[in-house]
Amino acid sequence: KLNNLIVIVDYNKWQATGKTKNILNLDDLKKKFQTFGFNSRDVNGHNFNQIIKNLKNTSLKKPLVIIAHTIKGKGVTFMEDDNNWHYRSPNEKEYQESIKQLDN
């Protein structure tokens, strides 16, 4: 009776200090949640329209998990898919460059 539960997983394929597939391979995450009784949906986690559409379409009798496939650092070329940015802050030059890229 958890039909009012919605879970969003930010699935960027990184875990602590490495790629998820090399540390604890989750295989098919959508299928894992279905095994636990969830309705599961994969979306592009950078596409707000896809996320909103799936949040609105909740006429289900089971809990829902939305697996949002994302890229860590998306939108800043020197940060994209680089786990080092999880642990460090940009210097002033990097900050200015990242703002410039995100504004475009």
PDB file of N, CA and C in Angstrom:
ATOM      1  N   LYS A   1       0.829  -1.201   0.000  1.00  0.00           N
ATOM      2  CA  LYS A   1       0.000   0.000   0.000  1.00  0.00           C
ATOM      3  C   LYS A   1       0.865   1.253   0.000  1.00  0.00           C
ATOM      4  N   LEU A   2       1.891   1.244  -0.844  1.00  0.00           N
ATOM      5  CA  LEU A   2       2.775   2.397  -0.962  1.00  0.00           C
ATOM      6  C   LEU A   2       2.596   3.091  -2.307  1.00  0.00           C
ATOM      7  N   ASN A   3       1.361   3.093  -2.803  1.00  0.00           N
ATOM      8  CA  ASN A   3       1.117   3.661  -4.128  1.00  0.00           C
ATOM      9  C   ASN A   3       1.311   5.173  -4.174  1.00  0.00           C
ATOM     10  N   ASN A   4       1.532   5.811  -3.036  1.00  0.00           N
ATOM     11  CA  ASN A   4       1.790   7.247  -3.023  1.00  0.00           C
ATOM     12  C   ASN A   4       3.280   7.557  -2.867  1.00  0.00           C
ATOM     13  N   LEU A   5       4.125   6.539  -2.957  1.00  0.00           N
ATOM     14  CA  LEU A   5       5.568   6.717  -2.805  1.00  0.00           C
ATOM     15  C   LEU A   5       6.232   6.856  -4.171  1.00  0.00           C
ATOM     16  N   ILE A   6       7.004   7.936  -4.340  1.00  0.00           N
ATOM     17  CA  ILE A   6       7.778   8.153  -5.555  1.00  0.00           C
ATOM     18  C   ILE A   6       9.232   8.358  -5.144  1.00  0.00           C
ATOM     19  N   VAL A   7      10.123   7.596  -5.748  1.00  0.00           N
ATOM     20  CA  VAL A   7      11.550   7.686  -5.485  1.00  0.00           C
ATOM     21  C   VAL A   7      12.238   8.125  -6.774  1.00  0.00           C
ATOM     22  N   ILE A   8      13.147   9.097  -6.666  1.00  0.00           N
ATOM     23  CA  ILE A   8      13.963   9.494  -7.813  1.00  0.00           C
ATOM     24  C   ILE A   8      15.404   9.147  -7.483  1.00  0.00           C
ATOM     25  N   VAL A   9      16.020   8.331  -8.334  1.00  0.00           N
ATOM     26  CA  VAL A   9      17.413   7.936  -8.165  1.00  0.00           C
ATOM     27  C   VAL A   9      18.253   8.725  -9.162  1.00  0.00           C
ATOM     28  N   ASP A  10      19.208   9.497  -8.658  1.00  0.00           N
ATOM     29  CA  ASP A  10      20.167  10.191  -9.521  1.00  0.00           C
ATOM     30  C   ASP A  10      21.250   9.173  -9.855  1.00  0.00           C
ATOM     31  N   TYR A  11      21.145   8.587 -11.020  1.00  0.00           N
ATOM     32  CA  TYR A  11      22.011   7.472 -11.399  1.00  0.00           C
ATOM     33  C   TYR A  11      23.101   7.970 -12.346  1.00  0.00           C
ATOM     34  N   ASN A  12      24.198   8.484 -11.736  1.00  0.00           N
ATOM     35  CA  ASN A  12      25.290   9.021 -12.538  1.00  0.00           C
ATOM     36  C   ASN A  12      26.421   8.009 -12.745  1.00  0.00           C
ATOM     37  N   LYS A  13      26.232   6.805 -12.262  1.00  0.00           N
ATOM     38  CA  LYS A  13      27.166   5.673 -12.465  1.00  0.00           C
ATOM     39  C   LYS A  13      28.489   5.835 -11.709  1.00  0.00           C
ATOM     40  N   TRP A  14      28.535   6.718 -10.701  1.00  0.00           N
ATOM     41  CA  TRP A  14      29.712   6.877  -9.852  1.00  0.00           C
ATOM     42  C   TRP A  14      29.368   6.489  -8.425  1.00  0.00           C
ATOM     43  N   GLN A  15      30.351   5.987  -7.719  1.00  0.00           N
ATOM     44  CA  GLN A  15      30.166   5.573  -6.339  1.00  0.00           C
ATOM     45  C   GLN A  15      31.464   5.838  -5.592  1.00  0.00           C
ATOM     46  N   ALA A  16      31.422   6.693  -4.620  1.00  0.00           N
ATOM     47  CA  ALA A  16      32.585   7.037  -3.792  1.00  0.00           C
ATOM     48  C   ALA A  16      33.803   7.357  -4.647  1.00  0.00           C
ATOM     49  N   THR A  17      34.664   6.403  -4.863  1.00  0.00           N
ATOM     50  CA  THR A  17      35.940   6.681  -5.534  1.00  0.00           C
ATOM     51  C   THR A  17      36.085   6.013  -6.896  1.00  0.00           C
ATOM     52  N   GLY A  18      35.007   5.531  -7.456  1.00  0.00           N
ATOM     53  CA  GLY A  18      35.129   4.881  -8.758  1.00  0.00           C
ATOM     54  C   GLY A  18      33.789   4.662  -9.429  1.00  0.00           C
ATOM     55  N   LYS A  19      33.848   4.074 -10.595  1.00  0.00           N
ATOM     56  CA  LYS A  19      32.633   3.748 -11.346  1.00  0.00           C
ATOM     57  C   LYS A  19      31.862   2.647 -10.623  1.00  0.00           C
ATOM     58  N   THR A  20      30.568   2.791 -10.586  1.00  0.00           N
ATOM     59  CA  THR A  20      29.704   1.821  -9.907  1.00  0.00           C
ATOM     60  C   THR A  20      29.935   0.408 -10.434  1.00  0.00           C
ATOM     61  N   LYS A  21      30.066   0.266 -11.747  1.00  0.00           N
ATOM     62  CA  LYS A  21      30.224  -1.068 -12.330  1.00  0.00           C
ATOM     63  C   LYS A  21      31.495  -1.764 -11.849  1.00  0.00           C
ATOM     64  N   ASN A  22      32.494  -0.993 -11.398  1.00  0.00           N
ATOM     65  CA  ASN A  22      33.737  -1.588 -10.916  1.00  0.00           C
ATOM     66  C   ASN A  22      33.750  -1.824  -9.415  1.00  0.00           C
ATOM     67  N   ILE A  23      32.891  -1.135  -8.672  1.00  0.00           N
ATOM     68  CA  ILE A  23      32.885  -1.253  -7.209  1.00  0.00           C
ATOM     69  C   ILE A  23      31.766  -2.178  -6.734  1.00  0.00           C
ATOM     70  N   LEU A  24      30.556  -1.901  -7.166  1.00  0.00           N
ATOM     71  CA  LEU A  24      29.401  -2.721  -6.819  1.00  0.00           C
ATOM     72  C   LEU A  24      28.439  -2.656  -7.991  1.00  0.00           C
ATOM     73  N   ASN A  25      28.628  -3.542  -8.943  1.00  0.00           N
ATOM     74  CA  ASN A  25      27.842  -3.514 -10.168  1.00  0.00           C
ATOM     75  C   ASN A  25      26.368  -3.724  -9.859  1.00  0.00           C
ATOM     76  N   LEU A  26      25.557  -2.748 -10.223  1.00  0.00           N
ATOM     77  CA  LEU A  26      24.118  -2.807  -9.949  1.00  0.00           C
ATOM     78  C   LEU A  26      23.338  -3.487 -11.067  1.00  0.00           C
ATOM     79  N   ASP A  27      24.025  -3.850 -12.137  1.00  0.00           N
ATOM     80  CA  ASP A  27      23.379  -4.479 -13.294  1.00  0.00           C
ATOM     81  C   ASP A  27      22.195  -3.625 -13.748  1.00  0.00           C
ATOM     82  N   ASP A  28      21.051  -4.236 -13.936  1.00  0.00           N
ATOM     83  CA  ASP A  28      19.864  -3.538 -14.416  1.00  0.00           C
ATOM     84  C   ASP A  28      19.099  -2.971 -13.225  1.00  0.00           C
ATOM     85  N   LEU A  29      19.325  -1.694 -12.924  1.00  0.00           N
ATOM     86  CA  LEU A  29      18.706  -1.062 -11.755  1.00  0.00           C
ATOM     87  C   LEU A  29      17.186  -1.045 -11.856  1.00  0.00           C
ATOM     88  N   LYS A  30      16.671  -0.815 -13.047  1.00  0.00           N
ATOM     89  CA  LYS A  30      15.222  -0.802 -13.255  1.00  0.00           C
ATOM     90  C   LYS A  30      14.618  -2.150 -12.860  1.00  0.00           C
ATOM     91  N   LYS A  31      15.247  -3.223 -13.301  1.00  0.00           N
ATOM     92  CA  LYS A  31      14.758  -4.573 -12.998  1.00  0.00           C
ATOM     93  C   LYS A  31      14.847  -4.873 -11.494  1.00  0.00           C
ATOM     94  N   LYS A  32      15.906  -4.388 -10.846  1.00  0.00           N
ATOM     95  CA  LYS A  32      16.036  -4.602  -9.396  1.00  0.00           C
ATOM     96  C   LYS A  32      14.854  -3.998  -8.649  1.00  0.00           C
ATOM     97  N   PHE A  33      14.493  -2.761  -8.998  1.00  0.00           N
ATOM     98  CA  PHE A  33      13.366  -2.122  -8.320  1.00  0.00           C
ATOM     99  C   PHE A  33      12.057  -2.833  -8.636  1.00  0.00           C
ATOM    100  N   GLN A  34      11.896  -3.324  -9.856  1.00  0.00           N
ATOM    101  CA  GLN A  34      10.684  -4.074 -10.200  1.00  0.00           C
ATOM    102  C   GLN A  34      10.577  -5.334  -9.352  1.00  0.00           C
ATOM    103  N   THR A  35      11.700  -5.959  -9.062  1.00  0.00           N
ATOM    104  CA  THR A  35      11.715  -7.149  -8.212  1.00  0.00           C
ATOM    105  C   THR A  35      11.169  -6.842  -6.819  1.00  0.00           C
ATOM    106  N   PHE A  36      11.396  -5.599  -6.358  1.00  0.00           N
ATOM    107  CA  PHE A  36      10.896  -5.185  -5.045  1.00  0.00           C
ATOM    108  C   PHE A  36       9.491  -4.595  -5.108  1.00  0.00           C
ATOM    109  N   GLY A  37       8.813  -4.732  -6.259  1.00  0.00           N
ATOM    110  CA  GLY A  37       7.413  -4.326  -6.375  1.00  0.00           C
ATOM    111  C   GLY A  37       7.188  -2.903  -6.844  1.00  0.00           C
ATOM    112  N   PHE A  38       8.210  -2.253  -7.336  1.00  0.00           N
ATOM    113  CA  PHE A  38       8.076  -0.891  -7.843  1.00  0.00           C
ATOM    114  C   PHE A  38       7.710  -0.890  -9.319  1.00  0.00           C
ATOM    115  N   ASN A  39       6.976   0.118  -9.740  1.00  0.00           N
ATOM    116  CA  ASN A  39       6.925   0.466 -11.150  1.00  0.00           C
ATOM    117  C   ASN A  39       8.201   1.257 -11.383  1.00  0.00           C
ATOM    118  N   SER A  40       8.945   0.922 -12.413  1.00  0.00           N
ATOM    119  CA  SER A  40      10.235   1.555 -12.664  1.00  0.00           C
ATOM    120  C   SER A  40      10.253   2.212 -14.024  1.00  0.00           C
ATOM    121  N   ARG A  41      10.823   3.409 -14.050  1.00  0.00           N
ATOM    122  CA  ARG A  41      10.944   4.134 -15.314  1.00  0.00           C
ATOM    123  C   ARG A  41      12.339   4.733 -15.426  1.00  0.00           C
ATOM    124  N   ASP A  42      12.928   4.602 -16.599  1.00  0.00           N
ATOM    125  CA  ASP A  42      14.212   5.228 -16.903  1.00  0.00           C
ATOM    126  C   ASP A  42      13.949   6.543 -17.615  1.00  0.00           C
ATOM    127  N   VAL A  43      14.638   7.608 -17.201  1.00  0.00           N
ATOM    128  CA  VAL A  43      14.518   8.897 -17.868  1.00  0.00           C
ATOM    129  C   VAL A  43      15.896   9.532 -18.012  1.00  0.00           C
ATOM    130  N   ASN A  44      15.988  10.486 -18.916  1.00  0.00           N
ATOM    131  CA  ASN A  44      17.176  11.319 -19.019  1.00  0.00           C
ATOM    132  C   ASN A  44      17.085  12.312 -17.864  1.00  0.00           C
ATOM    133  N   GLY A  45      17.953  12.184 -16.897  1.00  0.00           N
ATOM    134  CA  GLY A  45      17.902  13.027 -15.708  1.00  0.00           C
ATOM    135  C   GLY A  45      18.221  14.491 -15.953  1.00  0.00           C
ATOM    136  N   HIS A  46      18.653  14.836 -17.151  1.00  0.00           N
ATOM    137  CA  HIS A  46      18.917  16.227 -17.507  1.00  0.00           C
ATOM    138  C   HIS A  46      17.748  16.827 -18.279  1.00  0.00           C
ATOM    139  N   ASN A  47      16.709  16.041 -18.490  1.00  0.00           N
ATOM    140  CA  ASN A  47      15.542  16.495 -19.242  1.00  0.00           C
ATOM    141  C   ASN A  47      14.384  16.689 -18.263  1.00  0.00           C
ATOM    142  N   PHE A  48      14.179  17.933 -17.845  1.00  0.00           N
ATOM    143  CA  PHE A  48      13.144  18.225 -16.852  1.00  0.00           C
ATOM    144  C   PHE A  48      11.758  17.826 -17.327  1.00  0.00           C
ATOM    145  N   ASN A  49      11.501  17.953 -18.635  1.00  0.00           N
ATOM    146  CA  ASN A  49      10.188  17.579 -19.159  1.00  0.00           C
ATOM    147  C   ASN A  49       9.910  16.094 -18.955  1.00  0.00           C
ATOM    148  N   GLN A  50      10.917  15.249 -19.164  1.00  0.00           N
ATOM    149  CA  GLN A  50      10.736  13.806 -18.937  1.00  0.00           C
ATOM    150  C   GLN A  50      10.454  13.520 -17.463  1.00  0.00           C
ATOM    151  N   ILE A  51      11.167  14.194 -16.582  1.00  0.00           N
ATOM    152  CA  ILE A  51      10.969  13.976 -15.144  1.00  0.00           C
ATOM    153  C   ILE A  51       9.559  14.405 -14.739  1.00  0.00           C
ATOM    154  N   ILE A  52       9.157  15.592 -15.155  1.00  0.00           N
ATOM    155  CA  ILE A  52       7.828  16.114 -14.802  1.00  0.00           C
ATOM    156  C   ILE A  52       6.734  15.223 -15.364  1.00  0.00           C
ATOM    157  N   LYS A  53       6.884  14.805 -16.614  1.00  0.00           N
ATOM    158  CA  LYS A  53       5.887  13.922 -17.241  1.00  0.00           C
ATOM    159  C   LYS A  53       5.708  12.644 -16.413  1.00  0.00           C
ATOM    160  N   ASN A  54       6.795  12.072 -15.947  1.00  0.00           N
ATOM    161  CA  ASN A  54       6.716  10.839 -15.170  1.00  0.00           C
ATOM    162  C   ASN A  54       6.196  11.073 -13.761  1.00  0.00           C
ATOM    163  N   LEU A  55       6.438  12.245 -13.197  1.00  0.00           N
ATOM    164  CA  LEU A  55       5.874  12.564 -11.886  1.00  0.00           C
ATOM    165  C   LEU A  55       4.363  12.753 -11.962  1.00  0.00           C
ATOM    166  N   LYS A  56       3.889  13.287 -13.070  1.00  0.00           N
ATOM    167  CA  LYS A  56       2.445  13.513 -13.242  1.00  0.00           C
ATOM    168  C   LYS A  56       1.694  12.234 -13.565  1.00  0.00           C
ATOM    169  N   ASN A  57       2.346  11.287 -14.208  1.00  0.00           N
ATOM    170  CA  ASN A  57       1.708  10.029 -14.610  1.00  0.00           C
ATOM    171  C   ASN A  57       1.888   8.994 -13.492  1.00  0.00           C
ATOM    172  N   THR A  58       1.156   9.182 -12.410  1.00  0.00           N
ATOM    173  CA  THR A  58       1.326   8.305 -11.247  1.00  0.00           C
ATOM    174  C   THR A  58       0.062   7.537 -10.892  1.00  0.00           C
ATOM    175  N   SER A  59      -0.800   7.296 -11.846  1.00  0.00           N
ATOM    176  CA  SER A  59      -2.028   6.550 -11.565  1.00  0.00           C
ATOM    177  C   SER A  59      -1.713   5.055 -11.495  1.00  0.00           C
ATOM    178  N   LEU A  60      -0.889   4.722 -10.532  1.00  0.00           N
ATOM    179  CA  LEU A  60      -0.421   3.349 -10.400  1.00  0.00           C
ATOM    180  C   LEU A  60      -0.849   2.773  -9.058  1.00  0.00           C
ATOM    181  N   LYS A  61      -0.791   1.483  -8.944  1.00  0.00           N
ATOM    182  CA  LYS A  61      -1.156   0.827  -7.693  1.00  0.00           C
ATOM    183  C   LYS A  61       0.072   0.358  -6.915  1.00  0.00           C
ATOM    184  N   LYS A  62       1.247   0.802  -7.365  1.00  0.00           N
ATOM    185  CA  LYS A  62       2.504   0.418  -6.736  1.00  0.00           C
ATOM    186  C   LYS A  62       3.350   1.664  -6.530  1.00  0.00           C
ATOM    187  N   PRO A  63       4.388   1.569  -5.680  1.00  0.00           N
ATOM    188  CA  PRO A  63       5.319   2.692  -5.590  1.00  0.00           C
ATOM    189  C   PRO A  63       6.054   2.860  -6.922  1.00  0.00           C
ATOM    190  N   LEU A  64       6.534   4.060  -7.165  1.00  0.00           N
ATOM    191  CA  LEU A  64       7.202   4.381  -8.424  1.00  0.00           C
ATOM    192  C   LEU A  64       8.641   4.784  -8.163  1.00  0.00           C
ATOM    193  N   VAL A  65       9.561   4.273  -8.961  1.00  0.00           N
ATOM    194  CA  VAL A  65      10.938   4.757  -8.956  1.00  0.00           C
ATOM    195  C   VAL A  65      11.254   5.305 -10.341  1.00  0.00           C
ATOM    196  N   ILE A  66      11.767   6.510 -10.351  1.00  0.00           N
ATOM    197  CA  ILE A  66      12.229   7.142 -11.578  1.00  0.00           C
ATOM    198  C   ILE A  66      13.751   7.108 -11.526  1.00  0.00           C
ATOM    199  N   ILE A  67      14.343   6.386 -12.456  1.00  0.00           N
ATOM    200  CA  ILE A  67      15.799   6.285 -12.508  1.00  0.00           C
ATOM    201  C   ILE A  67      16.282   7.349 -13.482  1.00  0.00           C
ATOM    202  N   ALA A  68      16.856   8.404 -12.913  1.00  0.00           N
ATOM    203  CA  ALA A  68      17.291   9.561 -13.700  1.00  0.00           C
ATOM    204  C   ALA A  68      18.758   9.364 -14.083  1.00  0.00           C
ATOM    205  N   HIS A  69      18.974   8.973 -15.316  1.00  0.00           N
ATOM    206  CA  HIS A  69      20.338   8.759 -15.803  1.00  0.00           C
ATOM    207  C   HIS A  69      20.984  10.128 -16.032  1.00  0.00           C
ATOM    208  N   THR A  70      22.055  10.402 -15.299  1.00  0.00           N
ATOM    209  CA  THR A  70      22.710  11.700 -15.353  1.00  0.00           C
ATOM    210  C   THR A  70      24.211  11.544 -15.589  1.00  0.00           C
ATOM    211  N   ILE A  71      24.838  12.654 -15.875  1.00  0.00           N
ATOM    212  CA  ILE A  71      26.294  12.716 -16.024  1.00  0.00           C
ATOM    213  C   ILE A  71      26.801  13.692 -14.970  1.00  0.00           C
ATOM    214  N   LYS A  72      27.670  13.226 -14.109  1.00  0.00           N
ATOM    215  CA  LYS A  72      28.251  14.075 -13.074  1.00  0.00           C
ATOM    216  C   LYS A  72      28.941  15.267 -13.745  1.00  0.00           C
ATOM    217  N   GLY A  73      28.628  16.478 -13.283  1.00  0.00           N
ATOM    218  CA  GLY A  73      29.247  17.681 -13.812  1.00  0.00           C
ATOM    219  C   GLY A  73      28.714  18.140 -15.156  1.00  0.00           C
ATOM    220  N   LYS A  74      27.553  17.637 -15.541  1.00  0.00           N
ATOM    221  CA  LYS A  74      26.975  17.936 -16.862  1.00  0.00           C
ATOM    222  C   LYS A  74      26.933  19.437 -17.119  1.00  0.00           C
ATOM    223  N   GLY A  75      27.418  19.829 -18.292  1.00  0.00           N
ATOM    224  CA  GLY A  75      27.355  21.213 -18.710  1.00  0.00           C
ATOM    225  C   GLY A  75      28.657  21.969 -18.581  1.00  0.00           C
ATOM    226  N   VAL A  76      29.611  21.394 -17.861  1.00  0.00           N
ATOM    227  CA  VAL A  76      30.938  22.016 -17.717  1.00  0.00           C
ATOM    228  C   VAL A  76      31.944  20.997 -18.242  1.00  0.00           C
ATOM    229  N   THR A  77      32.510  21.266 -19.397  1.00  0.00           N
ATOM    230  CA  THR A  77      33.297  20.259 -20.119  1.00  0.00           C
ATOM    231  C   THR A  77      34.412  19.643 -19.287  1.00  0.00           C
ATOM    232  N   PHE A  78      35.122  20.440 -18.514  1.00  0.00           N
ATOM    233  CA  PHE A  78      36.239  19.881 -17.755  1.00  0.00           C
ATOM    234  C   PHE A  78      35.803  19.174 -16.471  1.00  0.00           C
ATOM    235  N   MET A  79      34.528  19.243 -16.142  1.00  0.00           N
ATOM    236  CA  MET A  79      34.002  18.548 -14.967  1.00  0.00           C
ATOM    237  C   MET A  79      33.198  17.302 -15.321  1.00  0.00           C
ATOM    238  N   GLU A  80      32.715  17.222 -16.558  1.00  0.00           N
ATOM    239  CA  GLU A  80      31.814  16.134 -16.926  1.00  0.00           C
ATOM    240  C   GLU A  80      32.447  14.766 -16.732  1.00  0.00           C
ATOM    241  N   ASP A  81      31.705  13.923 -16.030  1.00  0.00           N
ATOM    242  CA  ASP A  81      32.069  12.521 -15.795  1.00  0.00           C
ATOM    243  C   ASP A  81      33.443  12.373 -15.131  1.00  0.00           C
ATOM    244  N   ASP A  82      33.834  13.379 -14.342  1.00  0.00           N
ATOM    245  CA  ASP A  82      35.105  13.357 -13.618  1.00  0.00           C
ATOM    246  C   ASP A  82      34.804  13.362 -12.117  1.00  0.00           C
ATOM    247  N   ASN A  83      35.001  12.235 -11.490  1.00  0.00           N
ATOM    248  CA  ASN A  83      34.651  12.085 -10.081  1.00  0.00           C
ATOM    249  C   ASN A  83      35.504  12.944  -9.154  1.00  0.00           C
ATOM    250  N   ASN A  84      36.632  13.433  -9.611  1.00  0.00           N
ATOM    251  CA  ASN A  84      37.461  14.305  -8.776  1.00  0.00           C
ATOM    252  C   ASN A  84      36.702  15.546  -8.325  1.00  0.00           C
ATOM    253  N   TRP A  85      35.745  15.987  -9.126  1.00  0.00           N
ATOM    254  CA  TRP A  85      34.975  17.175  -8.771  1.00  0.00           C
ATOM    255  C   TRP A  85      33.981  16.910  -7.652  1.00  0.00           C
ATOM    256  N   HIS A  86      33.827  15.686  -7.265  1.00  0.00           N
ATOM    257  CA  HIS A  86      32.998  15.372  -6.098  1.00  0.00           C
ATOM    258  C   HIS A  86      33.715  15.791  -4.817  1.00  0.00           C
ATOM    259  N   TYR A  87      35.036  15.873  -4.886  1.00  0.00           N
ATOM    260  CA  TYR A  87      35.845  16.095  -3.687  1.00  0.00           C
ATOM    261  C   TYR A  87      36.573  17.436  -3.669  1.00  0.00           C
ATOM    262  N   ARG A  88      36.544  18.181  -4.727  1.00  0.00           N
ATOM    263  CA  ARG A  88      37.283  19.434  -4.735  1.00  0.00           C
ATOM    264  C   ARG A  88      36.423  20.580  -5.232  1.00  0.00           C
ATOM    265  N   SER A  89      36.872  21.784  -4.959  1.00  0.00           N
ATOM    266  CA  SER A  89      36.178  22.989  -5.395  1.00  0.00           C
ATOM    267  C   SER A  89      36.985  23.660  -6.494  1.00  0.00           C
ATOM    268  N   PRO A  90      36.304  24.322  -7.402  1.00  0.00           N
ATOM    269  CA  PRO A  90      37.040  25.007  -8.471  1.00  0.00           C
ATOM    270  C   PRO A  90      37.785  26.236  -7.937  1.00  0.00           C
ATOM    271  N   ASN A  91      38.933  26.518  -8.529  1.00  0.00           N
ATOM    272  CA  ASN A  91      39.609  27.770  -8.214  1.00  0.00           C
ATOM    273  C   ASN A  91      38.878  28.898  -8.947  1.00  0.00           C
ATOM    274  N   GLU A  92      39.328  30.116  -8.790  1.00  0.00           N
ATOM    275  CA  GLU A  92      38.619  31.256  -9.388  1.00  0.00           C
ATOM    276  C   GLU A  92      38.529  31.139 -10.910  1.00  0.00           C
ATOM    277  N   LYS A  93      39.619  30.757 -11.559  1.00  0.00           N
ATOM    278  CA  LYS A  93      39.631  30.625 -13.020  1.00  0.00           C
ATOM    279  C   LYS A  93      38.656  29.533 -13.465  1.00  0.00           C
ATOM    280  N   GLU A  94      38.663  28.382 -12.791  1.00  0.00           N
ATOM    281  CA  GLU A  94      37.751  27.277 -13.122  1.00  0.00           C
ATOM    282  C   GLU A  94      36.304  27.672 -12.864  1.00  0.00           C
ATOM    283  N   TYR A  95      36.086  28.394 -11.780  1.00  0.00           N
ATOM    284  CA  TYR A  95      34.742  28.863 -11.459  1.00  0.00           C
ATOM    285  C   TYR A  95      34.210  29.770 -12.576  1.00  0.00           C
ATOM    286  N   GLN A  96      35.012  30.733 -12.988  1.00  0.00           N
ATOM    287  CA  GLN A  96      34.586  31.661 -14.033  1.00  0.00           C
ATOM    288  C   GLN A  96      34.302  30.913 -15.336  1.00  0.00           C
ATOM    289  N   GLU A  97      35.156  29.954 -15.682  1.00  0.00           N
ATOM    290  CA  GLU A  97      34.950  29.176 -16.904  1.00  0.00           C
ATOM    291  C   GLU A  97      33.669  28.344 -16.814  1.00  0.00           C
ATOM    292  N   SER A  98      33.419  27.764 -15.640  1.00  0.00           N
ATOM    293  CA  SER A  98      32.206  26.941 -15.486  1.00  0.00           C
ATOM    294  C   SER A  98      30.947  27.797 -15.603  1.00  0.00           C
ATOM    295  N   ILE A  99      30.957  28.997 -15.021  1.00  0.00           N
ATOM    296  CA  ILE A  99      29.809  29.900 -15.122  1.00  0.00           C
ATOM    297  C   ILE A  99      29.584  30.280 -16.589  1.00  0.00           C
ATOM    298  N   LYS A 100      30.675  30.562 -17.291  1.00  0.00           N
ATOM    299  CA  LYS A 100      30.587  30.929 -18.708  1.00  0.00           C
ATOM    300  C   LYS A 100      29.939  29.801 -19.510  1.00  0.00           C
ATOM    301  N   GLN A 101      30.392  28.562 -19.263  1.00  0.00           N
ATOM    302  CA  GLN A 101      29.843  27.431 -20.000  1.00  0.00           C
ATOM    303  C   GLN A 101      28.372  27.191 -19.665  1.00  0.00           C
ATOM    304  N   LEU A 102      28.016  27.323 -18.399  1.00  0.00           N
ATOM    305  CA  LEU A 102      26.627  27.089 -17.995  1.00  0.00           C
ATOM    306  C   LEU A 102      25.694  28.183 -18.507  1.00  0.00           C
ATOM    307  N   ASP A 103      26.202  29.387 -18.664  1.00  0.00           N
ATOM    308  CA  ASP A 103      25.377  30.479 -19.205  1.00  0.00           C
ATOM    309  C   ASP A 103      25.050  30.264 -20.665  1.00  0.00           C
ATOM    310  N   ASN A 104      25.929  29.521 -21.360  1.00  0.00           N
ATOM    311  CA  ASN A 104      25.681  29.257 -22.779  1.00  0.00           C
ATOM    312  C   ASN A 104      24.691  28.139 -22.890  1.00  0.00           C
TER     313      ASN A 104
END
